């Protein structure tokens, strides 16, 4: 099974629907996540990503972001990748 580690910037682009001068980053993140889902792959994230997201979102918003993805993208699954001290 394929696995993709999604970093904080992609999550933030998706959750905040961010844009820059040349790109709709939120749209690019959505396309990327949908491609992963279409491949029936697993998206990984770490405690580090969660902590970084909590500097932009509240803990509740982070939970909602992950739940929203699990509920709206077909075959989407999320696994916790525990980081080592």
N, C-alpha and C. Protein backbone atom coordinates (compact mmCIF):
# COMPACT_ATOMS: atom_id res chain seq x y z
N UNK A 1 0.84 -1.18 0.00
CA UNK A 1 0.00 0.00 0.00
C UNK A 1 0.89 1.25 0.00
N UNK A 2 0.56 2.18 -0.87
CA UNK A 2 1.30 3.43 -0.92
C UNK A 2 0.98 4.29 0.29
N UNK A 3 1.99 5.04 0.73
CA UNK A 3 1.82 5.96 1.85
C UNK A 3 2.45 7.29 1.49
N UNK A 4 1.78 8.36 1.89
CA UNK A 4 2.28 9.71 1.64
C UNK A 4 2.31 10.48 2.95
N UNK A 5 3.46 11.07 3.23
CA UNK A 5 3.60 11.92 4.40
C UNK A 5 3.26 13.35 3.96
N UNK A 6 2.19 13.90 4.51
CA UNK A 6 1.74 15.23 4.12
C UNK A 6 2.23 16.22 5.17
N UNK A 7 3.00 17.22 4.72
CA UNK A 7 3.58 18.17 5.66
C UNK A 7 2.59 19.28 6.03
N UNK A 8 3.00 20.09 6.97
CA UNK A 8 2.14 21.13 7.53
C UNK A 8 1.64 22.11 6.47
N UNK A 9 2.51 22.49 5.54
CA UNK A 9 2.11 23.48 4.54
C UNK A 9 0.95 22.99 3.67
N UNK A 10 0.95 21.74 3.32
CA UNK A 10 -0.15 21.21 2.50
C UNK A 10 -1.45 21.20 3.30
N UNK A 11 -1.37 20.77 4.57
CA UNK A 11 -2.56 20.80 5.42
C UNK A 11 -3.08 22.23 5.56
N UNK A 12 -2.17 23.18 5.79
CA UNK A 12 -2.58 24.58 5.96
C UNK A 12 -3.15 25.14 4.65
N UNK A 13 -2.54 24.81 3.52
CA UNK A 13 -3.08 25.25 2.23
C UNK A 13 -4.51 24.75 2.06
N UNK A 14 -4.72 23.49 2.40
CA UNK A 14 -6.05 22.89 2.28
C UNK A 14 -7.03 23.54 3.25
N UNK A 15 -6.65 23.62 4.51
CA UNK A 15 -7.56 24.12 5.55
C UNK A 15 -7.86 25.60 5.45
N UNK A 16 -6.90 26.38 4.98
CA UNK A 16 -7.08 27.83 4.90
C UNK A 16 -7.39 28.31 3.48
N UNK A 17 -7.39 27.36 2.52
CA UNK A 17 -7.60 27.69 1.11
C UNK A 17 -6.67 28.84 0.70
N UNK A 18 -5.39 28.67 1.00
CA UNK A 18 -4.41 29.72 0.76
C UNK A 18 -4.12 29.92 -0.72
N UNK A 19 -3.63 31.11 -1.02
CA UNK A 19 -3.26 31.49 -2.38
C UNK A 19 -1.94 32.25 -2.30
N UNK A 20 -1.20 32.26 -3.41
CA UNK A 20 -0.08 33.17 -3.54
C UNK A 20 -0.27 33.94 -4.85
N UNK A 21 0.73 34.67 -5.28
CA UNK A 21 0.57 35.49 -6.48
C UNK A 21 0.24 34.69 -7.73
N UNK A 22 0.69 33.44 -7.78
CA UNK A 22 0.58 32.67 -9.01
C UNK A 22 -0.27 31.41 -8.91
N UNK A 23 -0.59 30.98 -7.70
CA UNK A 23 -1.26 29.68 -7.54
C UNK A 23 -2.38 29.75 -6.50
N UNK A 24 -3.38 28.93 -6.73
CA UNK A 24 -4.42 28.71 -5.72
C UNK A 24 -3.98 27.48 -4.92
N UNK A 25 -3.24 27.73 -3.85
CA UNK A 25 -2.61 26.64 -3.11
C UNK A 25 -3.63 25.69 -2.49
N UNK A 26 -4.76 26.23 -2.05
CA UNK A 26 -5.81 25.37 -1.49
C UNK A 26 -6.34 24.40 -2.53
N UNK A 27 -6.51 24.88 -3.76
CA UNK A 27 -6.98 24.01 -4.85
C UNK A 27 -5.93 22.95 -5.18
N UNK A 28 -4.66 23.36 -5.21
CA UNK A 28 -3.60 22.38 -5.49
C UNK A 28 -3.55 21.31 -4.41
N UNK A 29 -3.71 21.71 -3.15
CA UNK A 29 -3.72 20.74 -2.05
C UNK A 29 -4.90 19.78 -2.18
N UNK A 30 -6.06 20.30 -2.56
CA UNK A 30 -7.25 19.46 -2.73
C UNK A 30 -7.03 18.44 -3.84
N UNK A 31 -6.48 18.89 -4.97
CA UNK A 31 -6.20 17.98 -6.09
C UNK A 31 -5.23 16.89 -5.64
N UNK A 32 -4.17 17.29 -4.93
CA UNK A 32 -3.18 16.34 -4.45
C UNK A 32 -3.82 15.30 -3.52
N UNK A 33 -4.61 15.75 -2.55
CA UNK A 33 -5.25 14.82 -1.61
C UNK A 33 -6.23 13.90 -2.33
N UNK A 34 -6.95 14.42 -3.32
CA UNK A 34 -7.87 13.58 -4.09
C UNK A 34 -7.13 12.53 -4.91
N UNK A 35 -5.96 12.89 -5.45
CA UNK A 35 -5.16 11.91 -6.19
C UNK A 35 -4.69 10.78 -5.28
N UNK A 36 -4.29 11.15 -4.07
CA UNK A 36 -3.89 10.12 -3.11
C UNK A 36 -5.07 9.21 -2.80
N UNK A 37 -6.23 9.80 -2.56
CA UNK A 37 -7.42 9.01 -2.25
C UNK A 37 -7.79 8.09 -3.41
N UNK A 38 -7.66 8.58 -4.64
CA UNK A 38 -8.00 7.77 -5.81
C UNK A 38 -7.09 6.56 -5.94
N UNK A 39 -5.89 6.66 -5.39
CA UNK A 39 -4.94 5.53 -5.43
C UNK A 39 -5.14 4.59 -4.23
N UNK A 40 -6.14 4.88 -3.40
CA UNK A 40 -6.39 4.10 -2.19
C UNK A 40 -5.15 4.05 -1.30
N UNK A 41 -4.43 5.14 -1.27
CA UNK A 41 -3.21 5.23 -0.47
C UNK A 41 -3.53 5.77 0.92
N UNK A 42 -2.54 5.73 1.76
CA UNK A 42 -2.68 6.19 3.14
C UNK A 42 -1.92 7.50 3.29
N UNK A 43 -2.54 8.45 3.98
CA UNK A 43 -1.88 9.70 4.28
C UNK A 43 -1.37 9.64 5.71
N UNK A 44 -0.10 9.93 5.86
CA UNK A 44 0.54 9.93 7.17
C UNK A 44 0.78 11.35 7.65
N UNK A 45 0.75 11.53 8.96
CA UNK A 45 1.14 12.79 9.56
C UNK A 45 1.78 12.47 10.90
N UNK A 46 2.50 13.42 11.44
CA UNK A 46 3.23 13.17 12.68
C UNK A 46 2.78 14.12 13.77
N UNK A 47 3.28 13.86 14.98
CA UNK A 47 3.03 14.76 16.10
C UNK A 47 3.58 16.15 15.79
N UNK A 48 4.69 16.18 15.08
CA UNK A 48 5.29 17.47 14.71
C UNK A 48 4.32 18.28 13.85
N UNK A 49 3.72 17.62 12.86
CA UNK A 49 2.76 18.30 11.99
C UNK A 49 1.57 18.80 12.82
N UNK A 50 1.06 17.97 13.71
CA UNK A 50 -0.06 18.39 14.55
C UNK A 50 0.30 19.61 15.38
N UNK A 51 1.48 19.60 15.97
CA UNK A 51 1.91 20.75 16.78
C UNK A 51 2.06 22.00 15.92
N UNK A 52 2.60 21.85 14.73
CA UNK A 52 2.73 23.00 13.83
C UNK A 52 1.36 23.52 13.40
N UNK A 53 0.43 22.62 13.12
CA UNK A 53 -0.92 23.04 12.74
C UNK A 53 -1.60 23.81 13.87
N UNK A 54 -1.30 23.42 15.10
CA UNK A 54 -1.92 24.10 16.25
C UNK A 54 -1.40 25.52 16.45
N UNK A 55 -0.36 25.90 15.70
CA UNK A 55 0.08 27.30 15.73
C UNK A 55 -0.76 28.15 14.78
N UNK A 56 -1.49 27.49 13.87
CA UNK A 56 -2.34 28.18 12.90
C UNK A 56 -3.81 27.97 13.22
N UNK A 57 -4.16 26.77 13.67
CA UNK A 57 -5.53 26.38 13.98
C UNK A 57 -5.64 26.04 15.46
N UNK A 58 -6.86 26.07 15.98
CA UNK A 58 -7.09 25.55 17.34
C UNK A 58 -7.06 24.02 17.27
N UNK A 59 -6.93 23.39 18.43
CA UNK A 59 -6.94 21.91 18.47
C UNK A 59 -8.23 21.37 17.88
N UNK A 60 -9.35 22.04 18.16
CA UNK A 60 -10.63 21.60 17.63
C UNK A 60 -10.65 21.73 16.09
N UNK A 61 -10.10 22.81 15.57
CA UNK A 61 -10.05 22.98 14.11
C UNK A 61 -9.18 21.92 13.45
N UNK A 62 -8.09 21.53 14.09
CA UNK A 62 -7.24 20.47 13.56
C UNK A 62 -8.03 19.16 13.50
N UNK A 63 -8.73 18.85 14.58
CA UNK A 63 -9.56 17.63 14.59
C UNK A 63 -10.61 17.68 13.48
N UNK A 64 -11.27 18.83 13.33
CA UNK A 64 -12.29 18.98 12.30
C UNK A 64 -11.70 18.84 10.89
N UNK A 65 -10.51 19.39 10.70
CA UNK A 65 -9.85 19.28 9.40
C UNK A 65 -9.61 17.82 9.05
N UNK A 66 -9.08 17.06 9.98
CA UNK A 66 -8.81 15.64 9.72
C UNK A 66 -10.11 14.86 9.56
N UNK A 67 -11.11 15.15 10.39
CA UNK A 67 -12.39 14.46 10.28
C UNK A 67 -13.07 14.80 8.95
N UNK A 68 -13.00 16.06 8.56
CA UNK A 68 -13.61 16.49 7.31
C UNK A 68 -13.02 15.70 6.15
N UNK A 69 -11.72 15.54 6.15
CA UNK A 69 -11.08 14.79 5.07
C UNK A 69 -11.50 13.33 5.09
N UNK A 70 -11.56 12.74 6.26
CA UNK A 70 -11.95 11.33 6.34
C UNK A 70 -13.38 11.14 5.87
N UNK A 71 -14.24 12.13 6.08
CA UNK A 71 -15.65 12.00 5.73
C UNK A 71 -15.96 12.39 4.29
N UNK A 72 -15.08 13.15 3.63
CA UNK A 72 -15.43 13.66 2.31
C UNK A 72 -14.62 13.07 1.17
N UNK A 73 -13.44 12.55 1.44
CA UNK A 73 -12.63 11.99 0.37
C UNK A 73 -12.75 10.47 0.39
N UNK A 74 -13.21 9.87 -0.70
CA UNK A 74 -13.40 8.42 -0.72
C UNK A 74 -12.10 7.68 -0.42
N UNK A 75 -12.20 6.62 0.34
CA UNK A 75 -11.08 5.75 0.67
C UNK A 75 -9.95 6.47 1.38
N UNK A 76 -10.27 7.54 2.05
CA UNK A 76 -9.26 8.33 2.74
C UNK A 76 -9.03 7.74 4.13
N UNK A 77 -7.80 7.51 4.46
CA UNK A 77 -7.49 7.07 5.82
C UNK A 77 -6.28 7.84 6.32
N UNK A 78 -6.24 8.02 7.61
CA UNK A 78 -5.16 8.77 8.24
C UNK A 78 -4.53 7.89 9.29
N UNK A 79 -3.22 7.84 9.30
CA UNK A 79 -2.50 7.08 10.33
C UNK A 79 -1.58 8.03 11.06
N UNK A 80 -1.44 7.82 12.36
CA UNK A 80 -0.50 8.61 13.15
C UNK A 80 0.88 8.01 13.02
N UNK A 81 1.82 8.81 12.65
CA UNK A 81 3.21 8.39 12.56
C UNK A 81 3.91 8.95 13.79
N UNK A 82 4.14 8.13 14.79
CA UNK A 82 4.74 8.58 16.04
C UNK A 82 6.20 9.00 15.80
N UNK A 83 6.53 10.16 16.30
CA UNK A 83 7.90 10.63 16.18
C UNK A 83 8.71 10.14 17.38
N UNK A 84 9.98 9.99 17.16
CA UNK A 84 10.86 9.52 18.24
C UNK A 84 11.54 10.71 18.89
N UNK A 85 11.76 10.64 20.20
CA UNK A 85 12.43 11.75 20.89
C UNK A 85 13.85 11.93 20.43
